[in-house]
C-alpha atoms as a PDB file:
ATOM      1  CA  UNK A   1       7.494  12.465 -38.596  1.00  0.00           C
ATOM      2  CA  UNK A   2       6.010  15.834 -39.596  1.00  0.00           C
ATOM      3  CA  UNK A   3       6.498  19.035 -37.635  1.00  0.00           C
ATOM      4  CA  UNK A   4       2.825  18.957 -36.572  1.00  0.00           C
ATOM      5  CA  UNK A   5       2.958  15.445 -35.148  1.00  0.00           C
ATOM      6  CA  UNK A   6       6.182  16.020 -33.232  1.00  0.00           C
ATOM      7  CA  UNK A   7       4.663  18.402 -30.609  1.00  0.00           C
ATOM      8  CA  UNK A   8       1.645  16.109 -30.290  1.00  0.00           C
ATOM      9  CA  UNK A   9       3.771  13.009 -29.725  1.00  0.00           C
ATOM     10  CA  UNK A  10       5.865  14.909 -27.153  1.00  0.00           C
ATOM     11  CA  UNK A  11       2.729  15.999 -25.307  1.00  0.00           C
ATOM     12  CA  UNK A  12       1.363  12.450 -25.256  1.00  0.00           C
ATOM     13  CA  UNK A  13       4.684  11.023 -24.060  1.00  0.00           C
ATOM     14  CA  UNK A  14       5.144  13.634 -21.352  1.00  0.00           C
ATOM     15  CA  UNK A  15       1.504  13.379 -20.249  1.00  0.00           C
ATOM     16  CA  UNK A  16       1.824   9.600 -19.906  1.00  0.00           C
ATOM     17  CA  UNK A  17       4.938  10.009 -17.750  1.00  0.00           C
ATOM     18  CA  UNK A  18       3.216  12.513 -15.465  1.00  0.00           C
ATOM     19  CA  UNK A  19       0.106  10.325 -15.325  1.00  0.00           C
ATOM     20  CA  UNK A  20       2.347   7.526 -14.033  1.00  0.00           C
ATOM     21  CA  UNK A  21       3.637   9.940 -11.372  1.00  0.00           C
ATOM     22  CA  UNK A  22       0.079  10.709 -10.289  1.00  0.00           C
ATOM     23  CA  UNK A  23      -0.807   7.010 -10.127  1.00  0.00           C
ATOM     24  CA  UNK A  24       2.227   6.259  -7.961  1.00  0.00           C
ATOM     25  CA  UNK A  25       1.183   9.098  -5.656  1.00  0.00           C
ATOM     26  CA  UNK A  26      -2.318   7.624  -5.428  1.00  0.00           C
ATOM     27  CA  UNK A  27      -0.981   4.151  -4.643  1.00  0.00           C
ATOM     28  CA  UNK A  28       1.054   5.593  -1.776  1.00  0.00           C
ATOM     29  CA  UNK A  29      -1.981   7.424  -0.363  1.00  0.00           C
ATOM     30  CA  UNK A  30      -4.932   5.037  -0.864  1.00  0.00           C
ATOM     31  CA  UNK A  31      -7.077   7.136   1.473  1.00  0.00           C
ATOM     32  CA  UNK A  32      -7.307   9.577  -1.444  1.00  0.00           C
ATOM     33  CA  UNK A  33      -9.723   7.082  -3.043  1.00  0.00           C
ATOM     34  CA  UNK A  34     -12.288   7.338  -0.234  1.00  0.00           C
ATOM     35  CA  UNK A  35     -14.470   9.708  -2.260  1.00  0.00           C
ATOM     36  CA  UNK A  36     -14.730   7.180  -5.113  1.00  0.00           C
ATOM     37  CA  UNK A  37     -15.014   3.992  -3.034  1.00  0.00           C
ATOM     38  CA  UNK A  38     -16.557   4.359   0.420  1.00  0.00           C
ATOM     39  CA  UNK A  39     -18.527   7.580  -0.115  1.00  0.00           C
ATOM     40  CA  UNK A  40     -20.604   6.307  -3.093  1.00  0.00           C
ATOM     41  CA  UNK A  41     -21.448   3.138  -1.147  1.00  0.00           C
ATOM     42  CA  UNK A  42     -22.647   5.179   1.835  1.00  0.00           C
ATOM     43  CA  UNK A  43     -24.853   7.327  -0.423  1.00  0.00           C
ATOM     44  CA  UNK A  44     -26.264   4.247  -2.143  1.00  0.00           C
ATOM     45  CA  UNK A  45     -27.127   2.621   1.189  1.00  0.00           C
ATOM     46  CA  UNK A  46     -28.687   5.790   2.609  1.00  0.00           C
ATOM     47  CA  UNK A  47     -30.882   6.618  -0.357  1.00  0.00           C
ATOM     48  CA  UNK A  48     -31.938   3.005  -0.971  1.00  0.00           C
ATOM     49  CA  UNK A  49     -32.925   2.086   2.577  1.00  0.00           C
ATOM     50  CA  UNK A  50     -34.005   5.500   3.882  1.00  0.00           C
ATOM     51  CA  UNK A  51     -35.961   6.765   0.893  1.00  0.00           C
ATOM     52  CA  UNK A  52     -36.531   3.738  -1.347  1.00  0.00           C
ATOM     53  CA  UNK A  53     -39.699   2.631   0.398  1.00  0.00           C
ATOM     54  CA  UNK A  54     -41.137   6.138   0.575  1.00  0.00           C
ATOM     55  CA  UNK A  55     -40.346   7.098  -3.026  1.00  0.00           C
ATOM     56  CA  UNK A  56     -40.947   3.856  -4.918  1.00  0.00           C
ATOM     57  CA  UNK A  57     -42.741   1.674  -2.385  1.00  0.00           C
ATOM     58  CA  UNK A  58     -40.288  -1.109  -3.200  1.00  0.00           C
ATOM     59  CA  UNK A  59     -36.635  -0.805  -2.228  1.00  0.00           C
ATOM     60  CA  UNK A  60     -35.451  -3.290  -4.861  1.00  0.00           C
ATOM     61  CA  UNK A  61     -37.299  -1.467  -7.638  1.00  0.00           C
ATOM     62  CA  UNK A  62     -35.850   1.818  -6.417  1.00  0.00           C
ATOM     63  CA  UNK A  63     -32.331   0.325  -6.340  1.00  0.00           C
ATOM     64  CA  UNK A  64     -32.726  -0.653 -10.005  1.00  0.00           C
ATOM     65  CA  UNK A  65     -33.711   2.948 -10.747  1.00  0.00           C
ATOM     66  CA  UNK A  66     -31.227   4.625  -8.413  1.00  0.00           C
ATOM     67  CA  UNK A  67     -27.887   2.917  -9.029  1.00  0.00           C
ATOM     68  CA  UNK A  68     -27.352   4.074 -12.641  1.00  0.00           C
ATOM     69  CA  UNK A  69     -28.086   7.640 -11.563  1.00  0.00           C
ATOM     70  CA  UNK A  70     -25.859   7.394  -8.503  1.00  0.00           C
ATOM     71  CA  UNK A  71     -23.075   6.191 -10.785  1.00  0.00           C
ATOM     72  CA  UNK A  72     -23.340   9.414 -12.790  1.00  0.00           C
ATOM     73  CA  UNK A  73     -23.462  11.503  -9.600  1.00  0.00           C
ATOM     74  CA  UNK A  74     -20.387   9.781  -8.150  1.00  0.00           C
ATOM     75  CA  UNK A  75     -18.420  10.414 -11.340  1.00  0.00           C
ATOM     76  CA  UNK A  76     -19.285  14.108 -11.288  1.00  0.00           C
ATOM     77  CA  UNK A  77     -18.318  14.419  -7.626  1.00  0.00           C
ATOM     78  CA  UNK A  78     -15.182  12.312  -8.115  1.00  0.00           C
ATOM     79  CA  UNK A  79     -13.625  14.981 -10.312  1.00  0.00           C
ATOM     80  CA  UNK A  80     -13.594  17.549  -7.503  1.00  0.00           C
ATOM     81  CA  UNK A  81     -10.427  16.094  -5.976  1.00  0.00           C
ATOM     82  CA  UNK A  82      -8.483  16.613  -9.216  1.00  0.00           C
ATOM     83  CA  UNK A  83      -8.787  20.392  -9.044  1.00  0.00           C
ATOM     84  CA  UNK A  84      -7.913  20.338  -5.346  1.00  0.00           C
ATOM     85  CA  UNK A  85      -4.773  18.281  -5.934  1.00  0.00           C
ATOM     86  CA  UNK A  86      -3.583  20.451  -8.815  1.00  0.00           C
ATOM     87  CA  UNK A  87      -4.173  23.603  -6.777  1.00  0.00           C
ATOM     88  CA  UNK A  88      -2.218  22.115  -3.868  1.00  0.00           C
ATOM     89  CA  UNK A  89       0.650  21.141  -6.191  1.00  0.00           C
ATOM     90  CA  UNK A  90       0.878  24.717  -7.439  1.00  0.00           C
ATOM     91  CA  UNK A  91       0.977  26.055  -3.883  1.00  0.00           C
ATOM     92  CA  UNK A  92       3.757  23.592  -3.006  1.00  0.00           C
ATOM     93  CA  UNK A  93       5.854  24.663  -5.980  1.00  0.00           C
ATOM     94  CA  UNK A  94       5.572  21.364  -7.847  1.00  0.00           C
ATOM     95  CA  UNK A  95       4.567  23.103 -11.052  1.00  0.00           C
ATOM     96  CA  UNK A  96       7.540  25.461 -10.761  1.00  0.00           C
ATOM     97  CA  UNK A  97       9.751  22.385 -11.105  1.00  0.00           C
ATOM     98  CA  UNK A  98       7.715  21.249 -14.126  1.00  0.00           C
ATOM     99  CA  UNK A  99       8.319  24.613 -15.800  1.00  0.00           C
ATOM    100  CA  UNK A 100      12.075  24.090 -15.500  1.00  0.00           C
ATOM    101  CA  UNK A 101      11.834  20.793 -17.378  1.00  0.00           C
ATOM    102  CA  UNK A 102      11.807  20.441 -21.193  1.00  0.00           C
ATOM    103  CA  UNK A 103       8.228  19.158 -21.285  1.00  0.00           C
ATOM    104  CA  UNK A 104       5.029  20.266 -22.967  1.00  0.00           C
ATOM    105  CA  UNK A 105       3.210  23.023 -21.098  1.00  0.00           C
ATOM    106  CA  UNK A 106      -0.053  21.052 -21.295  1.00  0.00           C
ATOM    107  CA  UNK A 107       1.468  17.775 -20.034  1.00  0.00           C
ATOM    108  CA  UNK A 108       1.012  18.356 -16.262  1.00  0.00           C
ATOM    109  CA  UNK A 109      -2.722  18.949 -16.661  1.00  0.00           C
ATOM    110  CA  UNK A 110      -3.332  16.279 -19.288  1.00  0.00           C
ATOM    111  CA  UNK A 111      -1.309  13.759 -17.283  1.00  0.00           C
ATOM    112  CA  UNK A 112      -3.313  14.453 -14.135  1.00  0.00           C
ATOM    113  CA  UNK A 113      -6.576  13.984 -16.043  1.00  0.00           C
ATOM    114  CA  UNK A 114      -5.397  10.710 -17.599  1.00  0.00           C
ATOM    115  CA  UNK A 115      -4.464   9.369 -14.162  1.00  0.00           C
ATOM    116  CA  UNK A 116      -8.052   9.976 -13.025  1.00  0.00           C
ATOM    117  CA  UNK A 117      -9.141   7.034 -15.186  1.00  0.00           C
ATOM    118  CA  UNK A 118      -8.251   4.828 -12.209  1.00  0.00           C
ATOM    119  CA  UNK A 119     -10.550   6.849  -9.936  1.00  0.00           C
ATOM    120  CA  UNK A 120     -13.479   6.654 -12.337  1.00  0.00           C
ATOM    121  CA  UNK A 121     -12.956   2.967 -12.974  1.00  0.00           C
ATOM    122  CA  UNK A 122     -12.920   2.456  -9.195  1.00  0.00           C
ATOM    123  CA  UNK A 123     -16.285   4.216  -8.893  1.00  0.00           C
ATOM    124  CA  UNK A 124     -17.838   2.010 -11.557  1.00  0.00           C
ATOM    125  CA  UNK A 125     -16.462  -1.251 -10.172  1.00  0.00           C
ATOM    126  CA  UNK A 126     -17.324  -0.472  -6.552  1.00  0.00           C
ATOM    127  CA  UNK A 127     -20.838   0.739  -7.338  1.00  0.00           C
ATOM    128  CA  UNK A 128     -21.703  -2.235  -9.543  1.00  0.00           C
ATOM    129  CA  UNK A 129     -20.191  -4.826  -7.202  1.00  0.00           C
ATOM    130  CA  UNK A 130     -21.768  -3.411  -4.058  1.00  0.00           C
ATOM    131  CA  UNK A 131     -25.032  -2.814  -5.892  1.00  0.00           C
ATOM    132  CA  UNK A 132     -25.040  -6.483  -6.909  1.00  0.00           C
ATOM    133  CA  UNK A 133     -24.606  -7.457  -3.258  1.00  0.00           C
ATOM    134  CA  UNK A 134     -27.594  -5.251  -2.386  1.00  0.00           C
ATOM    135  CA  UNK A 135     -29.700  -6.875  -5.090  1.00  0.00           C
ATOM    136  CA  UNK A 136     -29.100  -4.794  -8.208  1.00  0.00           C
ATOM    137  CA  UNK A 137     -29.157  -6.752 -11.449  1.00  0.00           C
ATOM    138  CA  UNK A 138     -27.996  -5.731 -14.918  1.00  0.00           C
ATOM    139  CA  UNK A 139     -30.962  -6.564 -17.144  1.00  0.00           C
ATOM    140  CA  UNK A 140     -29.441  -5.838 -20.549  1.00  0.00           C
ATOM    141  CA  UNK A 141     -26.358  -8.055 -20.750  1.00  0.00           C
ATOM    142  CA  UNK A 142     -22.598  -7.932 -20.357  1.00  0.00           C
ATOM    143  CA  UNK A 143     -21.619  -5.735 -23.304  1.00  0.00           C
ATOM    144  CA  UNK A 144     -24.196  -3.008 -22.652  1.00  0.00           C
ATOM    145  CA  UNK A 145     -22.841  -2.882 -19.089  1.00  0.00           C
ATOM    146  CA  UNK A 146     -19.297  -2.511 -20.439  1.00  0.00           C
ATOM    147  CA  UNK A 147     -20.541   0.278 -22.696  1.00  0.00           C
ATOM    148  CA  UNK A 148     -22.138   1.989 -19.685  1.00  0.00           C
ATOM    149  CA  UNK A 149     -18.840   1.859 -17.776  1.00  0.00           C
ATOM    150  CA  UNK A 150     -16.868   3.145 -20.779  1.00  0.00           C
ATOM    151  CA  UNK A 151     -19.312   6.018 -21.314  1.00  0.00           C
ATOM    152  CA  UNK A 152     -19.231   6.867 -17.602  1.00  0.00           C
ATOM    153  CA  UNK A 153     -15.430   7.049 -17.564  1.00  0.00           C
ATOM    154  CA  UNK A 154     -15.401   9.098 -20.759  1.00  0.00           C
ATOM    155  CA  UNK A 155     -17.885  11.606 -19.366  1.00  0.00           C
ATOM    156  CA  UNK A 156     -15.916  11.827 -16.122  1.00  0.00           C
ATOM    157  CA  UNK A 157     -12.739  12.651 -18.055  1.00  0.00           C
ATOM    158  CA  UNK A 158     -14.547  15.457 -19.891  1.00  0.00           C
ATOM    159  CA  UNK A 159     -16.400  16.825 -16.856  1.00  0.00           C
ATOM    160  CA  UNK A 160     -13.268  16.924 -14.692  1.00  0.00           C
ATOM    161  CA  UNK A 161     -11.799  19.679 -16.868  1.00  0.00           C
ATOM    162  CA  UNK A 162     -14.188  22.033 -15.073  1.00  0.00           C
ATOM    163  CA  UNK A 163     -12.473  21.089 -11.818  1.00  0.00           C
ATOM    164  CA  UNK A 164      -9.057  21.565 -13.440  1.00  0.00           C
ATOM    165  CA  UNK A 165     -10.048  25.063 -14.558  1.00  0.00           C
ATOM    166  CA  UNK A 166     -11.423  25.957 -11.121  1.00  0.00           C
ATOM    167  CA  UNK A 167      -8.232  24.591  -9.533  1.00  0.00           C
ATOM    168  CA  UNK A 168      -6.193  26.946 -11.687  1.00  0.00           C
ATOM    169  CA  UNK A 169      -8.400  29.957 -10.924  1.00  0.00           C
ATOM    170  CA  UNK A 170      -8.982  29.962  -7.156  1.00  0.00           C
ATOM    171  CA  UNK A 171      -6.356  30.551  -4.493  1.00  0.00           C
ATOM    172  CA  UNK A 172      -6.735  27.530  -2.187  1.00  0.00           C
ATOM    173  CA  UNK A 173      -7.626  23.861  -2.535  1.00  0.00           C
ATOM    174  CA  UNK A 174     -10.447  24.326  -0.022  1.00  0.00           C
ATOM    175  CA  UNK A 175     -11.988  26.943  -2.286  1.00  0.00           C
ATOM    176  CA  UNK A 176     -11.881  24.452  -5.171  1.00  0.00           C
ATOM    177  CA  UNK A 177     -14.093  22.078  -3.202  1.00  0.00           C
ATOM    178  CA  UNK A 178     -16.517  24.854  -2.281  1.00  0.00           C
ATOM    179  CA  UNK A 179     -16.878  26.133  -5.844  1.00  0.00           C
ATOM    180  CA  UNK A 180     -17.220  22.661  -7.345  1.00  0.00           C
ATOM    181  CA  UNK A 181     -19.854  21.544  -4.855  1.00  0.00           C
ATOM    182  CA  UNK A 182     -21.863  24.678  -5.699  1.00  0.00           C
ATOM    183  CA  UNK A 183     -21.825  23.419  -9.277  1.00  0.00           C
ATOM    184  CA  UNK A 184     -22.058  19.642  -8.857  1.00  0.00           C
ATOM    185  CA  UNK A 185     -24.833  19.465  -6.253  1.00  0.00           C
ATOM    186  CA  UNK A 186     -27.454  21.399  -8.290  1.00  0.00           C
ATOM    187  CA  UNK A 187     -26.511  19.440 -11.416  1.00  0.00           C
ATOM    188  CA  UNK A 188     -26.803  16.029  -9.751  1.00  0.00           C
ATOM    189  CA  UNK A 189     -29.867  16.695  -7.599  1.00  0.00           C
ATOM    190  CA  UNK A 190     -31.591  18.656 -10.375  1.00  0.00           C
ATOM    191  CA  UNK A 191     -31.575  15.601 -12.619  1.00  0.00           C
ATOM    192  CA  UNK A 192     -33.381  12.231 -12.882  1.00  0.00           C
ATOM    193  CA  UNK A 193     -30.848  10.598 -10.545  1.00  0.00           C
ATOM    194  CA  UNK A 194     -33.231  10.166  -7.601  1.00  0.00           C
ATOM    195  CA  UNK A 195     -36.733  10.632  -9.029  1.00  0.00           C
ATOM    196  CA  UNK A 196     -38.398  10.606 -12.437  1.00  0.00           C
ATOM    197  CA  UNK A 197     -38.424  13.972 -14.190  1.00  0.00           C
ATOM    198  CA  UNK A 198     -42.223  13.837 -14.540  1.00  0.00           C
ATOM    199  CA  UNK A 199     -42.674  14.123 -10.770  1.00  0.00           C
ATOM    200  CA  UNK A 200     -40.847  17.474 -10.583  1.00  0.00           C
ATOM    201  CA  UNK A 201     -42.444  20.932 -10.826  1.00  0.00           C
ATOM    202  CA  UNK A 202     -42.499  22.515 -14.268  1.00  0.00           C
ATOM    203  CA  UNK A 203     -39.768  25.095 -13.654  1.00  0.00           C
ATOM    204  CA  UNK A 204     -37.427  22.400 -12.380  1.00  0.00           C
ATOM    205  CA  UNK A 205     -38.217  20.151 -15.342  1.00  0.00           C
ATOM    206  CA  UNK A 206     -37.014  22.977 -17.599  1.00  0.00           C
ATOM    207  CA  UNK A 207     -33.657  22.947 -15.807  1.00  0.00           C
ATOM    208  CA  UNK A 208     -33.450  19.148 -15.886  1.00  0.00           C
ATOM    209  CA  UNK A 209     -34.024  19.149 -19.650  1.00  0.00           C
ATOM    210  CA  UNK A 210     -30.846  21.182 -20.284  1.00  0.00           C
ATOM    211  CA  UNK A 211     -28.769  19.615 -17.506  1.00  0.00           C
ATOM    212  CA  UNK A 212     -25.777  17.682 -18.966  1.00  0.00           C
ATOM    213  CA  UNK A 213     -26.154  15.037 -16.250  1.00  0.00           C
ATOM    214  CA  UNK A 214     -29.679  14.183 -17.446  1.00  0.00           C
ATOM    215  CA  UNK A 215     -28.834  12.466 -20.764  1.00  0.00           C
ATOM    216  CA  UNK A 216     -25.910  10.688 -19.091  1.00  0.00           C
ATOM    217  CA  UNK A 217     -28.212   9.242 -16.439  1.00  0.00           C
ATOM    218  CA  UNK A 218     -30.766   8.191 -19.054  1.00  0.00           C
ATOM    219  CA  UNK A 219     -28.095   6.531 -21.193  1.00  0.00           C
ATOM    220  CA  UNK A 220     -26.527   4.617 -18.300  1.00  0.00           C
ATOM    221  CA  UNK A 221     -29.994   3.581 -17.106  1.00  0.00           C
ATOM    222  CA  UNK A 222     -30.876   2.374 -20.581  1.00  0.00           C
ATOM    223  CA  UNK A 223     -27.629   0.411 -20.906  1.00  0.00           C
ATOM    224  CA  UNK A 224     -27.862  -1.212 -17.463  1.00  0.00           C
ATOM    225  CA  UNK A 225     -31.592  -1.675 -16.935  1.00  0.00           C
ATOM    226  CA  UNK A 226     -33.952  -0.580 -19.684  1.00  0.00           C
ATOM    227  CA  UNK A 227     -35.012   2.459 -21.644  1.00  0.00           C
ATOM    228  CA  UNK A 228     -34.000   4.444 -24.735  1.00  0.00           C
ATOM    229  CA  UNK A 229     -30.290   4.780 -25.454  1.00  0.00           C
ATOM    230  CA  UNK A 230     -29.692   6.290 -28.900  1.00  0.00           C
ATOM    231  CA  UNK A 231     -31.194   9.728 -28.252  1.00  0.00           C
ATOM    232  CA  UNK A 232     -29.700  10.317 -24.778  1.00  0.00           C
ATOM    233  CA  UNK A 233     -26.355   8.920 -25.948  1.00  0.00           C
ATOM    234  CA  UNK A 234     -26.152  11.414 -28.820  1.00  0.00           C
ATOM    235  CA  UNK A 235     -26.923  14.294 -26.448  1.00  0.00           C
ATOM    236  CA  UNK A 236     -24.360  13.035 -23.927  1.00  0.00           C
ATOM    237  CA  UNK A 237     -21.643  12.886 -26.582  1.00  0.00           C
ATOM    238  CA  UNK A 238     -22.469  16.456 -27.641  1.00  0.00           C
ATOM    239  CA  UNK A 239     -22.174  17.636 -24.038  1.00  0.00           C
ATOM    240  CA  UNK A 240     -18.856  15.801 -23.674  1.00  0.00           C
ATOM    241  CA  UNK A 241     -17.492  17.499 -26.782  1.00  0.00           C
ATOM    242  CA  UNK A 242     -18.754  20.861 -25.533  1.00  0.00           C
ATOM    243  CA  UNK A 243     -17.055  20.409 -22.170  1.00  0.00           C
ATOM    244  CA  UNK A 244     -13.737  19.700 -23.867  1.00  0.00           C
ATOM    245  CA  UNK A 245     -14.031  22.563 -26.348  1.00  0.00           C
ATOM    246  CA  UNK A 246     -14.850  25.075 -23.605  1.00  0.00           C
ATOM    247  CA  UNK A 247     -12.915  24.029 -20.537  1.00  0.00           C
ATOM    248  CA  UNK A 248      -9.670  22.544 -21.897  1.00  0.00           C
ATOM    249  CA  UNK A 249      -8.562  25.886 -23.426  1.00  0.00           C
ATOM    250  CA  UNK A 250      -9.778  27.756 -20.336  1.00  0.00           C
ATOM    251  CA  UNK A 251      -7.830  25.441 -18.035  1.00  0.00           C
ATOM    252  CA  UNK A 252      -4.640  25.618 -20.114  1.00  0.00           C
ATOM    253  CA  UNK A 253      -4.848  29.409 -20.310  1.00  0.00           C
ATOM    254  CA  UNK A 254      -5.435  29.721 -16.558  1.00  0.00           C
ATOM    255  CA  UNK A 255      -2.521  27.340 -15.931  1.00  0.00           C
ATOM    256  CA  UNK A 256      -0.196  29.434 -18.090  1.00  0.00           C
ATOM    257  CA  UNK A 257      -1.111  32.511 -16.077  1.00  0.00           C
ATOM    258  CA  UNK A 258      -0.952  30.790 -12.688  1.00  0.00           C
ATOM    259  CA  UNK A 259       2.136  28.644 -13.070  1.00  0.00           C
END
């Protein structure tokens, strides 16, 4: 094994061990999954039955349009808890104990992100199952639906690094939630999650066109229902790469200063 691969293998091994720790913690506190199980269902019910008739004239047609977008919104909001938990661990001194161990400096953050796969998978499964009960139908087939879930989880893992960075920067876990909601709410509501982009005013359409949530919503919608996939998918992958390139170094640097 070369000298370059040794640090990488150590980081992967240590990150996997800390991811297991995070999963055990989640299993012992299942109420921590409320924001990725019950909350998305409540939003889906509210928007479908309160606004579906007014917006689309047909609640079933609106559900077919809404659910892929709500899946993207739930993934973006699901990452907020990661920054809160990391911030709380720092305040409790957990990361001080990590620093005394012979582990990679990046492992605590990478491990926490890897453990969030369970949260994002929970969002996808709950939304699709409950949506099916409400009348949603995948119109493209099994494998496109699997691709939509895989892309959703991948985007969630990239987007959550913003929450990790914020969690390292602010002083309290409550502040993490406040800062992240200031970011996530404009991104999710200023996108084609709830209405078609063409119905929005021109200045808002300009924002929607550069919003990273927009191509994700279009890709998931195309994979689950109908619509173009190749173009939005390419843009989504570029945004995912950009999120990693920008926020992973920022988060690791902020962690080194904070911890």
